[in-house]
Amino acid sequence: MPCGEDIEMTPEEQETWLQEKSAELEALMPLTDQEFLDEGSRLALQVGPPSFALCRQEAT
């Protein structure tokens, strides 16, 4: 679909286009807000807390 051109679509075509675009967006960003927060918490637990001992060694 070229940018800036008006495209005539039937209501059925609009619905199909909307469903296709929604599916594409879900593929790019499949998480809900809660799922995103849960995933961040899970990853933070895997990595563990920052090692401040390493920071002190670099500073000296």
N, C-alpha and C. Protein backbone atom coordinates (compact mmCIF):
# COMPACT_ATOMS: atom_id res chain seq x y z
N MET A 1 0.85 -1.16 0.00
CA MET A 1 0.00 0.00 0.00
C MET A 1 0.91 1.24 0.00
N PRO A 2 0.93 1.99 -1.08
CA PRO A 2 1.80 3.17 -1.18
C PRO A 2 1.42 4.24 -0.16
N CYS A 3 2.41 4.92 0.31
CA CYS A 3 2.21 5.96 1.32
C CYS A 3 1.53 7.18 0.71
N GLY A 4 0.54 7.71 1.40
CA GLY A 4 -0.09 8.95 0.97
C GLY A 4 -1.22 8.79 -0.01
N GLU A 5 -1.46 7.58 -0.50
CA GLU A 5 -2.56 7.38 -1.44
C GLU A 5 -3.79 6.91 -0.68
N ASP A 6 -4.95 7.42 -1.09
CA ASP A 6 -6.20 6.95 -0.51
C ASP A 6 -6.56 5.62 -1.15
N ILE A 7 -6.85 4.65 -0.33
CA ILE A 7 -7.21 3.33 -0.81
C ILE A 7 -8.67 3.06 -0.44
N GLU A 8 -9.44 2.64 -1.41
CA GLU A 8 -10.83 2.29 -1.16
C GLU A 8 -10.89 0.81 -0.77
N MET A 9 -11.49 0.53 0.38
CA MET A 9 -11.65 -0.84 0.84
C MET A 9 -13.08 -1.06 1.28
N THR A 10 -13.53 -2.27 1.04
CA THR A 10 -14.84 -2.65 1.56
C THR A 10 -14.68 -2.90 3.06
N PRO A 11 -15.78 -2.91 3.81
CA PRO A 11 -15.67 -3.22 5.24
C PRO A 11 -15.00 -4.58 5.50
N GLU A 12 -15.26 -5.56 4.63
CA GLU A 12 -14.63 -6.88 4.79
C GLU A 12 -13.12 -6.79 4.58
N GLU A 13 -12.70 -6.03 3.56
CA GLU A 13 -11.27 -5.84 3.31
C GLU A 13 -10.61 -5.10 4.46
N GLN A 14 -11.30 -4.11 5.02
CA GLN A 14 -10.75 -3.38 6.16
C GLN A 14 -10.55 -4.31 7.35
N GLU A 15 -11.53 -5.17 7.61
CA GLU A 15 -11.43 -6.11 8.73
C GLU A 15 -10.27 -7.09 8.52
N THR A 16 -10.13 -7.59 7.31
CA THR A 16 -9.03 -8.51 7.00
C THR A 16 -7.69 -7.81 7.18
N TRP A 17 -7.58 -6.59 6.67
CA TRP A 17 -6.34 -5.83 6.78
C TRP A 17 -6.01 -5.57 8.25
N LEU A 18 -7.01 -5.20 9.03
CA LEU A 18 -6.80 -4.93 10.45
C LEU A 18 -6.34 -6.18 11.19
N GLN A 19 -6.93 -7.32 10.89
CA GLN A 19 -6.53 -8.57 11.52
C GLN A 19 -5.09 -8.94 11.16
N GLU A 20 -4.72 -8.75 9.89
CA GLU A 20 -3.35 -9.04 9.46
C GLU A 20 -2.34 -8.14 10.17
N LYS A 21 -2.63 -6.86 10.23
CA LYS A 21 -1.72 -5.92 10.88
C LYS A 21 -1.64 -6.16 12.37
N SER A 22 -2.76 -6.50 12.99
CA SER A 22 -2.76 -6.81 14.43
C SER A 22 -1.89 -8.03 14.71
N ALA A 23 -1.99 -9.05 13.86
CA ALA A 23 -1.17 -10.25 14.03
C ALA A 23 0.31 -9.92 13.87
N GLU A 24 0.65 -9.05 12.93
CA GLU A 24 2.05 -8.65 12.74
C GLU A 24 2.58 -7.92 13.97
N LEU A 25 1.76 -7.04 14.55
CA LEU A 25 2.18 -6.32 15.75
C LEU A 25 2.33 -7.26 16.94
N GLU A 26 1.43 -8.21 17.08
CA GLU A 26 1.53 -9.17 18.17
C GLU A 26 2.80 -10.00 18.04
N ALA A 27 3.21 -10.29 16.81
CA ALA A 27 4.45 -11.04 16.60
C ALA A 27 5.66 -10.22 17.03
N LEU A 28 5.58 -8.90 16.85
CA LEU A 28 6.68 -8.03 17.26
C LEU A 28 6.69 -7.79 18.76
N MET A 29 5.51 -7.70 19.35
CA MET A 29 5.39 -7.38 20.77
C MET A 29 4.31 -8.27 21.38
N PRO A 30 4.65 -9.55 21.60
CA PRO A 30 3.63 -10.50 22.00
C PRO A 30 3.22 -10.45 23.47
N LEU A 31 3.88 -9.65 24.28
CA LEU A 31 3.62 -9.67 25.71
C LEU A 31 2.63 -8.59 26.14
N THR A 32 1.78 -8.95 27.09
CA THR A 32 0.95 -7.94 27.75
C THR A 32 1.83 -7.20 28.75
N ASP A 33 1.33 -6.13 29.34
CA ASP A 33 2.12 -5.39 30.32
C ASP A 33 2.54 -6.29 31.48
N GLN A 34 1.61 -7.10 31.97
CA GLN A 34 1.94 -7.98 33.10
C GLN A 34 2.96 -9.04 32.70
N GLU A 35 2.81 -9.60 31.50
CA GLU A 35 3.77 -10.59 31.03
C GLU A 35 5.16 -9.98 30.89
N PHE A 36 5.22 -8.72 30.43
CA PHE A 36 6.49 -8.03 30.30
C PHE A 36 7.17 -7.87 31.66
N LEU A 37 6.40 -7.44 32.66
CA LEU A 37 6.95 -7.27 34.01
C LEU A 37 7.41 -8.61 34.59
N ASP A 38 6.61 -9.65 34.37
CA ASP A 38 6.98 -10.98 34.85
C ASP A 38 8.27 -11.47 34.19
N GLU A 39 8.39 -11.25 32.90
CA GLU A 39 9.60 -11.67 32.18
C GLU A 39 10.82 -10.90 32.68
N GLY A 40 10.66 -9.61 32.93
CA GLY A 40 11.77 -8.82 33.47
C GLY A 40 12.20 -9.31 34.84
N SER A 41 11.23 -9.64 35.68
CA SER A 41 11.55 -10.18 37.01
C SER A 41 12.26 -11.52 36.90
N ARG A 42 11.79 -12.36 36.00
CA ARG A 42 12.41 -13.67 35.82
C ARG A 42 13.86 -13.53 35.36
N LEU A 43 14.09 -12.64 34.40
CA LEU A 43 15.45 -12.44 33.91
C LEU A 43 16.35 -11.83 34.97
N ALA A 44 15.82 -10.92 35.77
CA ALA A 44 16.61 -10.31 36.84
C ALA A 44 17.03 -11.36 37.86
N LEU A 45 16.15 -12.31 38.14
CA LEU A 45 16.49 -13.37 39.08
C LEU A 45 17.56 -14.31 38.51
N GLN A 46 17.54 -14.53 37.21
CA GLN A 46 18.54 -15.38 36.59
C GLN A 46 19.93 -14.74 36.65
N VAL A 47 19.97 -13.45 36.42
CA VAL A 47 21.24 -12.73 36.40
C VAL A 47 21.76 -12.55 37.82
N GLY A 48 20.88 -12.27 38.74
CA GLY A 48 21.27 -12.05 40.12
C GLY A 48 21.58 -10.59 40.38
N PRO A 49 21.86 -10.28 41.63
CA PRO A 49 22.14 -8.88 41.98
C PRO A 49 23.49 -8.44 41.41
N PRO A 50 23.68 -7.15 41.25
CA PRO A 50 24.97 -6.66 40.74
C PRO A 50 26.07 -6.97 41.74
N SER A 51 27.24 -7.21 41.21
CA SER A 51 28.38 -7.52 42.06
C SER A 51 29.14 -6.22 42.34
N PHE A 52 28.92 -5.69 43.54
CA PHE A 52 29.58 -4.45 43.91
C PHE A 52 31.07 -4.67 44.17
N ALA A 53 31.47 -5.90 44.42
CA ALA A 53 32.88 -6.20 44.62
C ALA A 53 33.66 -5.89 43.34
N LEU A 54 33.09 -6.19 42.21
CA LEU A 54 33.76 -5.89 40.95
C LEU A 54 33.91 -4.39 40.76
N CYS A 55 32.91 -3.63 41.15
CA CYS A 55 32.98 -2.17 41.02
C CYS A 55 34.10 -1.62 41.90
N ARG A 56 34.23 -2.14 43.10
CA ARG A 56 35.29 -1.65 44.00
C ARG A 56 36.66 -1.98 43.45
N GLN A 57 36.82 -3.16 42.83
CA GLN A 57 38.11 -3.54 42.29
C GLN A 57 38.51 -2.62 41.14
N GLU A 58 37.57 -2.25 40.32
CA GLU A 58 37.87 -1.38 39.18
C GLU A 58 38.21 0.03 39.67
N ALA A 59 37.62 0.47 40.74
CA ALA A 59 37.86 1.82 41.23
C ALA A 59 39.25 1.97 41.84
N THR A 60 39.82 0.90 42.33
CA THR A 60 41.14 1.00 42.98
C THR A 60 42.25 0.90 42.01
